[in-house]
């Protein structure tokens, strides 16, 4: 059971990493400010998901030391903020007319 959860978390981390890299390239290549903003917000969402998944892996999958839990909590807070900021920016850029 634990191996299955670890496999799913690692797969989700790799998927979030790939999504973050893809939208990073799209963000840097886009010329239109609206498209750049949408791609940047999607990149932030994927980066936040990656940080949250890494925090879950850090805090729950390995034997817990205090430092590991603190670093996992910091990753969790930064990841949740990235998700929140990405969703907020995505809704803002979505409303802007082309």
PDB file of N, CA and C in Angstrom:
ATOM      1  N   UNK A   1       0.819  -1.200   0.000  1.00  0.00           N
ATOM      2  CA  UNK A   1       0.000   0.000   0.000  1.00  0.00           C
ATOM      3  C   UNK A   1       0.861   1.261   0.000  1.00  0.00           C
ATOM      4  N   UNK A   2       1.891   1.278   0.845  1.00  0.00           N
ATOM      5  CA  UNK A   2       2.780   2.437   0.916  1.00  0.00           C
ATOM      6  C   UNK A   2       3.525   2.623  -0.397  1.00  0.00           C
ATOM      7  N   UNK A   3       3.933   1.519  -1.016  1.00  0.00           N
ATOM      8  CA  UNK A   3       4.642   1.608  -2.294  1.00  0.00           C
ATOM      9  C   UNK A   3       3.760   2.216  -3.372  1.00  0.00           C
ATOM     10  N   UNK A   4       2.473   1.888  -3.339  1.00  0.00           N
ATOM     11  CA  UNK A   4       1.538   2.441  -4.320  1.00  0.00           C
ATOM     12  C   UNK A   4       1.394   3.946  -4.127  1.00  0.00           C
ATOM     13  N   UNK A   5       1.268   4.373  -2.886  1.00  0.00           N
ATOM     14  CA  UNK A   5       1.142   5.807  -2.610  1.00  0.00           C
ATOM     15  C   UNK A   5       2.417   6.540  -3.029  1.00  0.00           C
ATOM     16  N   UNK A   6       3.575   5.952  -2.722  1.00  0.00           N
ATOM     17  CA  UNK A   6       4.837   6.561  -3.141  1.00  0.00           C
ATOM     18  C   UNK A   6       4.921   6.667  -4.654  1.00  0.00           C
ATOM     19  N   UNK A   7       4.518   5.623  -5.360  1.00  0.00           N
ATOM     20  CA  UNK A   7       4.562   5.638  -6.820  1.00  0.00           C
ATOM     21  C   UNK A   7       3.646   6.711  -7.399  1.00  0.00           C
ATOM     22  N   UNK A   8       2.459   6.831  -6.835  1.00  0.00           N
ATOM     23  CA  UNK A   8       1.512   7.849  -7.309  1.00  0.00           C
ATOM     24  C   UNK A   8       2.058   9.244  -7.037  1.00  0.00           C
ATOM     25  N   UNK A   9       2.623   9.459  -5.858  1.00  0.00           N
ATOM     26  CA  UNK A   9       3.177  10.779  -5.539  1.00  0.00           C
ATOM     27  C   UNK A   9       4.357  11.124  -6.438  1.00  0.00           C
ATOM     28  N   UNK A  10       5.226  10.160  -6.703  1.00  0.00           N
ATOM     29  CA  UNK A  10       6.354  10.423  -7.592  1.00  0.00           C
ATOM     30  C   UNK A  10       5.876  10.694  -9.017  1.00  0.00           C
ATOM     31  N   UNK A  11       4.871   9.949  -9.478  1.00  0.00           N
ATOM     32  CA  UNK A  11       4.311  10.187 -10.809  1.00  0.00           C
ATOM     33  C   UNK A  11       3.698  11.586 -10.887  1.00  0.00           C
ATOM     34  N   UNK A  12       2.947  11.987  -9.858  1.00  0.00           N
ATOM     35  CA  UNK A  12       2.348  13.323  -9.843  1.00  0.00           C
ATOM     36  C   UNK A  12       3.413  14.415  -9.791  1.00  0.00           C
ATOM     37  N   UNK A  13       4.502  14.168  -9.071  1.00  0.00           N
ATOM     38  CA  UNK A  13       5.592  15.148  -9.013  1.00  0.00           C
ATOM     39  C   UNK A  13       6.238  15.319 -10.380  1.00  0.00           C
ATOM     40  N   UNK A  14       6.465  14.222 -11.073  1.00  0.00           N
ATOM     41  CA  UNK A  14       7.061  14.305 -12.412  1.00  0.00           C
ATOM     42  C   UNK A  14       6.105  14.996 -13.384  1.00  0.00           C
ATOM     43  N   UNK A  15       4.797  14.686 -13.295  1.00  0.00           N
ATOM     44  CA  UNK A  15       3.811  15.317 -14.166  1.00  0.00           C
ATOM     45  C   UNK A  15       3.746  16.824 -13.900  1.00  0.00           C
ATOM     46  N   UNK A  16       3.787  17.230 -12.625  1.00  0.00           N
ATOM     47  CA  UNK A  16       3.768  18.654 -12.290  1.00  0.00           C
ATOM     48  C   UNK A  16       5.040  19.342 -12.766  1.00  0.00           C
ATOM     49  N   UNK A  17       6.172  18.657 -12.669  1.00  0.00           N
ATOM     50  CA  UNK A  17       7.430  19.213 -13.153  1.00  0.00           C
ATOM     51  C   UNK A  17       7.384  19.419 -14.657  1.00  0.00           C
ATOM     52  N   UNK A  18       6.878  18.446 -15.388  1.00  0.00           N
ATOM     53  CA  UNK A  18       6.773  18.567 -16.843  1.00  0.00           C
ATOM     54  C   UNK A  18       5.823  19.709 -17.212  1.00  0.00           C
ATOM     55  N   UNK A  19       4.674  19.804 -16.531  1.00  0.00           N
ATOM     56  CA  UNK A  19       3.743  20.898 -16.799  1.00  0.00           C
ATOM     57  C   UNK A  19       4.363  22.253 -16.519  1.00  0.00           C
ATOM     58  N   UNK A  20       5.125  22.355 -15.451  1.00  0.00           N
ATOM     59  CA  UNK A  20       5.787  23.614 -15.117  1.00  0.00           C
ATOM     60  C   UNK A  20       6.807  24.007 -16.177  1.00  0.00           C
ATOM     61  N   UNK A  21       7.580  23.043 -16.643  1.00  0.00           N
ATOM     62  CA  UNK A  21       8.593  23.329 -17.677  1.00  0.00           C
ATOM     63  C   UNK A  21       7.934  23.709 -18.999  1.00  0.00           C
ATOM     64  N   UNK A  22       6.876  22.996 -19.372  1.00  0.00           N
ATOM     65  CA  UNK A  22       6.184  23.287 -20.637  1.00  0.00           C
ATOM     66  C   UNK A  22       5.617  24.703 -20.624  1.00  0.00           C
ATOM     67  N   UNK A  23       4.924  25.080 -19.549  1.00  0.00           N
ATOM     68  CA  UNK A  23       4.340  26.416 -19.497  1.00  0.00           C
ATOM     69  C   UNK A  23       5.397  27.487 -19.292  1.00  0.00           C
ATOM     70  N   UNK A  24       6.544  27.133 -18.732  1.00  0.00           N
ATOM     71  CA  UNK A  24       7.644  28.087 -18.636  1.00  0.00           C
ATOM     72  C   UNK A  24       8.155  28.441 -20.033  1.00  0.00           C
ATOM     73  N   UNK A  25       8.327  27.425 -20.886  1.00  0.00           N
ATOM     74  CA  UNK A  25       8.763  27.698 -22.254  1.00  0.00           C
ATOM     75  C   UNK A  25       7.709  28.481 -23.029  1.00  0.00           C
ATOM     76  N   UNK A  26       6.437  28.111 -22.856  1.00  0.00           N
ATOM     77  CA  UNK A  26       5.370  28.839 -23.539  1.00  0.00           C
ATOM     78  C   UNK A  26       5.302  30.288 -23.069  1.00  0.00           C
ATOM     79  N   UNK A  27       5.494  30.501 -21.772  1.00  0.00           N
ATOM     80  CA  UNK A  27       5.479  31.849 -21.217  1.00  0.00           C
ATOM     81  C   UNK A  27       6.591  32.697 -21.816  1.00  0.00           C
ATOM     82  N   UNK A  28       7.772  32.144 -21.924  1.00  0.00           N
ATOM     83  CA  UNK A  28       8.915  32.908 -22.424  1.00  0.00           C
ATOM     84  C   UNK A  28       8.842  33.182 -23.919  1.00  0.00           C
ATOM     85  N   UNK A  29       8.134  32.363 -24.677  1.00  0.00           N
ATOM     86  CA  UNK A  29       8.069  32.528 -26.128  1.00  0.00           C
ATOM     87  C   UNK A  29       6.880  33.354 -26.606  1.00  0.00           C
ATOM     88  N   UNK A  30       5.888  33.549 -25.753  1.00  0.00           N
ATOM     89  CA  UNK A  30       4.679  34.267 -26.175  1.00  0.00           C
ATOM     90  C   UNK A  30       4.958  35.764 -26.271  1.00  0.00           C
ATOM     91  N   UNK A  31       4.353  36.403 -27.276  1.00  0.00           N
ATOM     92  CA  UNK A  31       4.532  37.837 -27.467  1.00  0.00           C
ATOM     93  C   UNK A  31       3.361  38.631 -26.880  1.00  0.00           C
ATOM     94  N   UNK A  32       2.173  38.084 -26.931  1.00  0.00           N
ATOM     95  CA  UNK A  32       0.981  38.756 -26.429  1.00  0.00           C
ATOM     96  C   UNK A  32       0.990  38.761 -24.900  1.00  0.00           C
ATOM     97  N   UNK A  33       0.807  39.930 -24.275  1.00  0.00           N
ATOM     98  CA  UNK A  33       0.834  39.985 -22.800  1.00  0.00           C
ATOM     99  C   UNK A  33      -0.252  39.135 -22.140  1.00  0.00           C
ATOM    100  N   UNK A  34      -1.412  39.009 -22.766  1.00  0.00           N
ATOM    101  CA  UNK A  34      -2.486  38.184 -22.189  1.00  0.00           C
ATOM    102  C   UNK A  34      -2.085  36.708 -22.185  1.00  0.00           C
ATOM    103  N   UNK A  35      -1.527  36.249 -23.289  1.00  0.00           N
ATOM    104  CA  UNK A  35      -1.095  34.852 -23.391  1.00  0.00           C
ATOM    105  C   UNK A  35       0.072  34.600 -22.438  1.00  0.00           C
ATOM    106  N   UNK A  36       0.973  35.568 -22.335  1.00  0.00           N
ATOM    107  CA  UNK A  36       2.092  35.432 -21.390  1.00  0.00           C
ATOM    108  C   UNK A  36       1.571  35.296 -19.964  1.00  0.00           C
ATOM    109  N   UNK A  37       0.594  36.121 -19.609  1.00  0.00           N
ATOM    110  CA  UNK A  37       0.031  36.066 -18.262  1.00  0.00           C
ATOM    111  C   UNK A  37      -0.671  34.753 -17.985  1.00  0.00           C
ATOM    112  N   UNK A  38      -1.430  34.247 -18.964  1.00  0.00           N
ATOM    113  CA  UNK A  38      -2.112  32.959 -18.789  1.00  0.00           C
ATOM    114  C   UNK A  38      -1.110  31.826 -18.619  1.00  0.00           C
ATOM    115  N   UNK A  39      -0.062  31.842 -19.443  1.00  0.00           N
ATOM    116  CA  UNK A  39       0.948  30.787 -19.338  1.00  0.00           C
ATOM    117  C   UNK A  39       1.730  30.890 -18.023  1.00  0.00           C
ATOM    118  N   UNK A  40       1.996  32.120 -17.583  1.00  0.00           N
ATOM    119  CA  UNK A  40       2.698  32.297 -16.316  1.00  0.00           C
ATOM    120  C   UNK A  40       1.837  31.806 -15.151  1.00  0.00           C
ATOM    121  N   UNK A  41       0.537  32.068 -15.218  1.00  0.00           N
ATOM    122  CA  UNK A  41      -0.331  31.615 -14.127  1.00  0.00           C
ATOM    123  C   UNK A  41      -0.431  30.090 -14.103  1.00  0.00           C
ATOM    124  N   UNK A  42      -0.483  29.460 -15.267  1.00  0.00           N
ATOM    125  CA  UNK A  42      -0.503  27.991 -15.305  1.00  0.00           C
ATOM    126  C   UNK A  42       0.816  27.418 -14.801  1.00  0.00           C
ATOM    127  N   UNK A  43       1.923  28.090 -15.127  1.00  0.00           N
ATOM    128  CA  UNK A  43       3.225  27.659 -14.624  1.00  0.00           C
ATOM    129  C   UNK A  43       3.264  27.763 -13.097  1.00  0.00           C
ATOM    130  N   UNK A  44       2.699  28.839 -12.535  1.00  0.00           N
ATOM    131  CA  UNK A  44       2.650  28.990 -11.077  1.00  0.00           C
ATOM    132  C   UNK A  44       1.814  27.897 -10.432  1.00  0.00           C
ATOM    133  N   UNK A  45       0.693  27.540 -11.058  1.00  0.00           N
ATOM    134  CA  UNK A  45      -0.150  26.489 -10.502  1.00  0.00           C
ATOM    135  C   UNK A  45       0.599  25.160 -10.485  1.00  0.00           C
ATOM    136  N   UNK A  46       1.256  24.822 -11.593  1.00  0.00           N
ATOM    137  CA  UNK A  46       2.005  23.564 -11.636  1.00  0.00           C
ATOM    138  C   UNK A  46       3.182  23.581 -10.660  1.00  0.00           C
ATOM    139  N   UNK A  47       3.853  24.727 -10.537  1.00  0.00           N
ATOM    140  CA  UNK A  47       4.965  24.820  -9.594  1.00  0.00           C
ATOM    141  C   UNK A  47       4.468  24.672  -8.161  1.00  0.00           C
ATOM    142  N   UNK A  48       3.315  25.253  -7.868  1.00  0.00           N
ATOM    143  CA  UNK A  48       2.736  25.094  -6.539  1.00  0.00           C
ATOM    144  C   UNK A  48       2.362  23.657  -6.252  1.00  0.00           C
ATOM    145  N   UNK A  49       1.769  22.988  -7.245  1.00  0.00           N
ATOM    146  CA  UNK A  49       1.443  21.572  -7.076  1.00  0.00           C
ATOM    147  C   UNK A  49       2.701  20.746  -6.825  1.00  0.00           C
ATOM    148  N   UNK A  50       3.755  21.050  -7.563  1.00  0.00           N
ATOM    149  CA  UNK A  50       5.018  20.335  -7.375  1.00  0.00           C
ATOM    150  C   UNK A  50       5.553  20.532  -5.958  1.00  0.00           C
ATOM    151  N   UNK A  51       5.512  21.757  -5.465  1.00  0.00           N
ATOM    152  CA  UNK A  51       6.009  22.013  -4.115  1.00  0.00           C
ATOM    153  C   UNK A  51       5.156  21.331  -3.053  1.00  0.00           C
ATOM    154  N   UNK A  52       3.840  21.331  -3.241  1.00  0.00           N
ATOM    155  CA  UNK A  52       2.963  20.664  -2.275  1.00  0.00           C
ATOM    156  C   UNK A  52       3.220  19.157  -2.280  1.00  0.00           C
ATOM    157  N   UNK A  53       3.380  18.569  -3.452  1.00  0.00           N
ATOM    158  CA  UNK A  53       3.649  17.130  -3.544  1.00  0.00           C
ATOM    159  C   UNK A  53       4.995  16.791  -2.905  1.00  0.00           C
ATOM    160  N   UNK A  54       6.006  17.634  -3.166  1.00  0.00           N
ATOM    161  CA  UNK A  54       7.309  17.407  -2.534  1.00  0.00           C
ATOM    162  C   UNK A  54       7.212  17.534  -1.015  1.00  0.00           C
ATOM    163  N   UNK A  55       6.399  18.460  -0.536  1.00  0.00           N
ATOM    164  CA  UNK A  55       6.224  18.605   0.910  1.00  0.00           C
ATOM    165  C   UNK A  55       5.553  17.374   1.502  1.00  0.00           C
ATOM    166  N   UNK A  56       4.559  16.839   0.802  1.00  0.00           N
ATOM    167  CA  UNK A  56       3.888  15.628   1.284  1.00  0.00           C
ATOM    168  C   UNK A  56       4.870  14.457   1.320  1.00  0.00           C
ATOM    169  N   UNK A  57       5.681  14.339   0.275  1.00  0.00           N
ATOM    170  CA  UNK A  57       6.677  13.273   0.245  1.00  0.00           C
ATOM    171  C   UNK A  57       7.666  13.451   1.401  1.00  0.00           C
ATOM    172  N   UNK A  58       8.139  14.681   1.604  1.00  0.00           N
ATOM    173  CA  UNK A  58       9.109  14.945   2.672  1.00  0.00           C
ATOM    174  C   UNK A  58       8.550  14.641   4.049  1.00  0.00           C
ATOM    175  N   UNK A  59       7.324  15.068   4.305  1.00  0.00           N
ATOM    176  CA  UNK A  59       6.805  14.978   5.667  1.00  0.00           C
ATOM    177  C   UNK A  59       6.275  13.595   6.026  1.00  0.00           C
ATOM    178  N   UNK A  60       5.723  12.870   5.073  1.00  0.00           N
ATOM    179  CA  UNK A  60       5.015  11.647   5.418  1.00  0.00           C
ATOM    180  C   UNK A  60       5.692  10.361   4.962  1.00  0.00           C
ATOM    181  N   UNK A  61       6.545  10.416   3.972  1.00  0.00           N
ATOM    182  CA  UNK A  61       7.094   9.176   3.438  1.00  0.00           C
ATOM    183  C   UNK A  61       8.412   8.771   4.094  1.00  0.00           C
ATOM    184  N   UNK A  62       9.127   9.697   4.682  1.00  0.00           N
ATOM    185  CA  UNK A  62      10.405   9.359   5.298  1.00  0.00           C
ATOM    186  C   UNK A  62      10.295   9.497   6.801  1.00  0.00           C
ATOM    187  N   UNK A  63      11.209   8.859   7.503  1.00  0.00           N
ATOM    188  CA  UNK A  63      11.175   8.971   8.967  1.00  0.00           C
ATOM    189  C   UNK A  63      11.391  10.432   9.336  1.00  0.00           C
ATOM    190  N   UNK A  64      10.530  10.937  10.176  1.00  0.00           N
ATOM    191  CA  UNK A  64      10.479  12.369  10.420  1.00  0.00           C
ATOM    192  C   UNK A  64      11.516  12.870  11.390  1.00  0.00           C
ATOM    193  N   UNK A  65      12.329  13.757  10.926  1.00  0.00           N
ATOM    194  CA  UNK A  65      13.163  14.545  11.815  1.00  0.00           C
ATOM    195  C   UNK A  65      12.555  15.951  11.850  1.00  0.00           C
ATOM    196  N   UNK A  66      12.930  16.714  12.818  1.00  0.00           N
ATOM    197  CA  UNK A  66      12.358  18.053  12.962  1.00  0.00           C
ATOM    198  C   UNK A  66      12.695  18.924  11.762  1.00  0.00           C
ATOM    199  N   UNK A  67      13.916  18.861  11.295  1.00  0.00           N
ATOM    200  CA  UNK A  67      14.331  19.673  10.150  1.00  0.00           C
ATOM    201  C   UNK A  67      13.553  19.288   8.899  1.00  0.00           C
ATOM    202  N   UNK A  68      13.343  18.014   8.677  1.00  0.00           N
ATOM    203  CA  UNK A  68      12.605  17.535   7.505  1.00  0.00           C
ATOM    204  C   UNK A  68      11.156  18.034   7.533  1.00  0.00           C
ATOM    205  N   UNK A  69      10.544  18.010   8.711  1.00  0.00           N
ATOM    206  CA  UNK A  69       9.164  18.478   8.842  1.00  0.00           C
ATOM    207  C   UNK A  69       9.092  19.991   8.634  1.00  0.00           C
ATOM    208  N   UNK A  70      10.055  20.735   9.145  1.00  0.00           N
ATOM    209  CA  UNK A  70      10.064  22.192   8.964  1.00  0.00           C
ATOM    210  C   UNK A  70      10.235  22.543   7.500  1.00  0.00           C
ATOM    211  N   UNK A  71      11.160  21.890   6.808  1.00  0.00           N
ATOM    212  CA  UNK A  71      11.361  22.155   5.383  1.00  0.00           C
ATOM    213  C   UNK A  71      10.119  21.759   4.592  1.00  0.00           C
ATOM    214  N   UNK A  72       9.499  20.656   4.945  1.00  0.00           N
ATOM    215  CA  UNK A  72       8.253  20.254   4.289  1.00  0.00           C
ATOM    216  C   UNK A  72       7.146  21.265   4.509  1.00  0.00           C
ATOM    217  N   UNK A  73       7.059  21.832   5.712  1.00  0.00           N
ATOM    218  CA  UNK A  73       6.038  22.845   5.991  1.00  0.00           C
ATOM    219  C   UNK A  73       6.289  24.115   5.192  1.00  0.00           C
ATOM    220  N   UNK A  74       7.563  24.496   5.057  1.00  0.00           N
ATOM    221  CA  UNK A  74       7.892  25.677   4.254  1.00  0.00           C
ATOM    222  C   UNK A  74       7.520  25.431   2.795  1.00  0.00           C
ATOM    223  N   UNK A  75       7.853  24.262   2.259  1.00  0.00           N
ATOM    224  CA  UNK A  75       7.463  23.919   0.885  1.00  0.00           C
ATOM    225  C   UNK A  75       5.946  23.950   0.727  1.00  0.00           C
ATOM    226  N   UNK A  76       5.235  23.462   1.729  1.00  0.00           N
ATOM    227  CA  UNK A  76       3.776  23.430   1.674  1.00  0.00           C
ATOM    228  C   UNK A  76       3.204  24.846   1.608  1.00  0.00           C
ATOM    229  N   UNK A  77       3.717  25.740   2.439  1.00  0.00           N
ATOM    230  CA  UNK A  77       3.217  27.119   2.464  1.00  0.00           C
ATOM    231  C   UNK A  77       3.525  27.823   1.149  1.00  0.00           C
ATOM    232  N   UNK A  78       4.746  27.684   0.652  1.00  0.00           N
ATOM    233  CA  UNK A  78       5.121  28.319  -0.608  1.00  0.00           C
ATOM    234  C   UNK A  78       4.306  27.734  -1.763  1.00  0.00           C
ATOM    235  N   UNK A  79       4.105  26.427  -1.751  1.00  0.00           N
ATOM    236  CA  UNK A  79       3.323  25.780  -2.801  1.00  0.00           C
ATOM    237  C   UNK A  79       1.873  26.232  -2.798  1.00  0.00           C
ATOM    238  N   UNK A  80       1.269  26.303  -1.613  1.00  0.00           N
ATOM    239  CA  UNK A  80      -0.118  26.762  -1.530  1.00  0.00           C
ATOM    240  C   UNK A  80      -0.245  28.215  -1.976  1.00  0.00           C
ATOM    241  N   UNK A  81       0.746  29.046  -1.637  1.00  0.00           N
ATOM    242  CA  UNK A  81       0.716  30.428  -2.104  1.00  0.00           C
ATOM    243  C   UNK A  81       0.838  30.494  -3.621  1.00  0.00           C
ATOM    244  N   UNK A  82       1.709  29.666  -4.211  1.00  0.00           N
ATOM    245  CA  UNK A  82       1.847  29.648  -5.667  1.00  0.00           C
ATOM    246  C   UNK A  82       0.549  29.218  -6.341  1.00  0.00           C
ATOM    247  N   UNK A  83      -0.121  28.220  -5.788  1.00  0.00           N
ATOM    248  CA  UNK A  83      -1.395  27.784  -6.350  1.00  0.00           C
ATOM    249  C   UNK A  83      -2.414  28.914  -6.272  1.00  0.00           C
ATOM    250  N   UNK A  84      -2.509  29.556  -5.103  1.00  0.00           N
ATOM    251  CA  UNK A  84      -3.449  30.660  -4.927  1.00  0.00           C
ATOM    252  C   UNK A  84      -3.154  31.802  -5.893  1.00  0.00           C
ATOM    253  N   UNK A  85      -1.887  32.199  -6.002  1.00  0.00           N
ATOM    254  CA  UNK A  85      -1.517  33.295  -6.894  1.00  0.00           C
ATOM    255  C   UNK A  85      -1.756  32.922  -8.355  1.00  0.00           C
ATOM    256  N   UNK A  86      -1.481  31.682  -8.716  1.00  0.00           N
ATOM    257  CA  UNK A  86      -1.717  31.241 -10.095  1.00  0.00           C
ATOM    258  C   UNK A  86      -3.190  31.263 -10.460  1.00  0.00           C
ATOM    259  N   UNK A  87      -4.045  30.799  -9.547  1.00  0.00           N
ATOM    260  CA  UNK A  87      -5.488  30.816  -9.817  1.00  0.00           C
ATOM    261  C   UNK A  87      -5.997  32.250  -9.899  1.00  0.00           C
ATOM    262  N   UNK A  88      -5.533  33.103  -8.997  1.00  0.00           N
ATOM    263  CA  UNK A  88      -5.940  34.512  -9.017  1.00  0.00           C
ATOM    264  C   UNK A  88      -5.493  35.191 -10.318  1.00  0.00           C
ATOM    265  N   UNK A  89      -4.250  34.985 -10.721  1.00  0.00           N
ATOM    266  CA  UNK A  89      -3.750  35.600 -11.949  1.00  0.00           C
ATOM    267  C   UNK A  89      -4.441  35.026 -13.179  1.00  0.00           C
ATOM    268  N   UNK A  90      -4.736  33.733 -13.161  1.00  0.00           N
ATOM    269  CA  UNK A  90      -5.419  33.114 -14.298  1.00  0.00           C
ATOM    270  C   UNK A  90      -6.803  33.733 -14.493  1.00  0.00           C
ATOM    271  N   UNK A  91      -7.526  33.937 -13.405  1.00  0.00           N
ATOM    272  CA  UNK A  91      -8.853  34.547 -13.541  1.00  0.00           C
ATOM    273  C   UNK A  91      -8.729  36.006 -13.997  1.00  0.00           C
ATOM    274  N   UNK A  92      -7.683  36.696 -13.568  1.00  0.00           N
ATOM    275  CA  UNK A  92      -7.479  38.083 -13.986  1.00  0.00           C
ATOM    276  C   UNK A  92      -7.178  38.152 -15.486  1.00  0.00           C
ATOM    277  N   UNK A  93      -6.248  37.356 -15.969  1.00  0.00           N
ATOM    278  CA  UNK A  93      -5.884  37.398 -17.390  1.00  0.00           C
ATOM    279  C   UNK A  93      -6.978  36.825 -18.286  1.00  0.00           C
ATOM    280  N   UNK A  94      -7.787  35.928 -17.746  1.00  0.00           N
ATOM    281  CA  UNK A  94      -8.885  35.346 -18.519  1.00  0.00           C
ATOM    282  C   UNK A  94      -9.931  36.424 -18.827  1.00  0.00           C
ATOM    283  N   UNK A  95     -10.124  37.377 -17.905  1.00  0.00           N
ATOM    284  CA  UNK A  95     -11.125  38.427 -18.102  1.00  0.00           C
ATOM    285  C   UNK A  95     -10.701  39.501 -19.074  1.00  0.00           C
ATOM    286  N   UNK A  96      -9.394  39.633 -19.316  1.00  0.00           N
ATOM    287  CA  UNK A  96      -8.903  40.669 -20.228  1.00  0.00           C
ATOM    288  C   UNK A  96      -9.273  40.301 -21.655  1.00  0.00           C
ATOM    289  N   UNK A  97      -9.798  41.271 -22.377  1.00  0.00           N
ATOM    290  CA  UNK A  97     -10.178  41.038 -23.779  1.00  0.00           C
ATOM    291  C   UNK A  97      -8.926  40.902 -24.636  1.00  0.00           C
ATOM    292  N   UNK A  98      -9.035  40.069 -25.653  1.00  0.00           N
ATOM    293  CA  UNK A  98      -7.884  39.814 -26.539  1.00  0.00           C
ATOM    294  C   UNK A  98      -7.561  41.046 -27.372  1.00  0.00           C
TER     295      UNK A  98
END
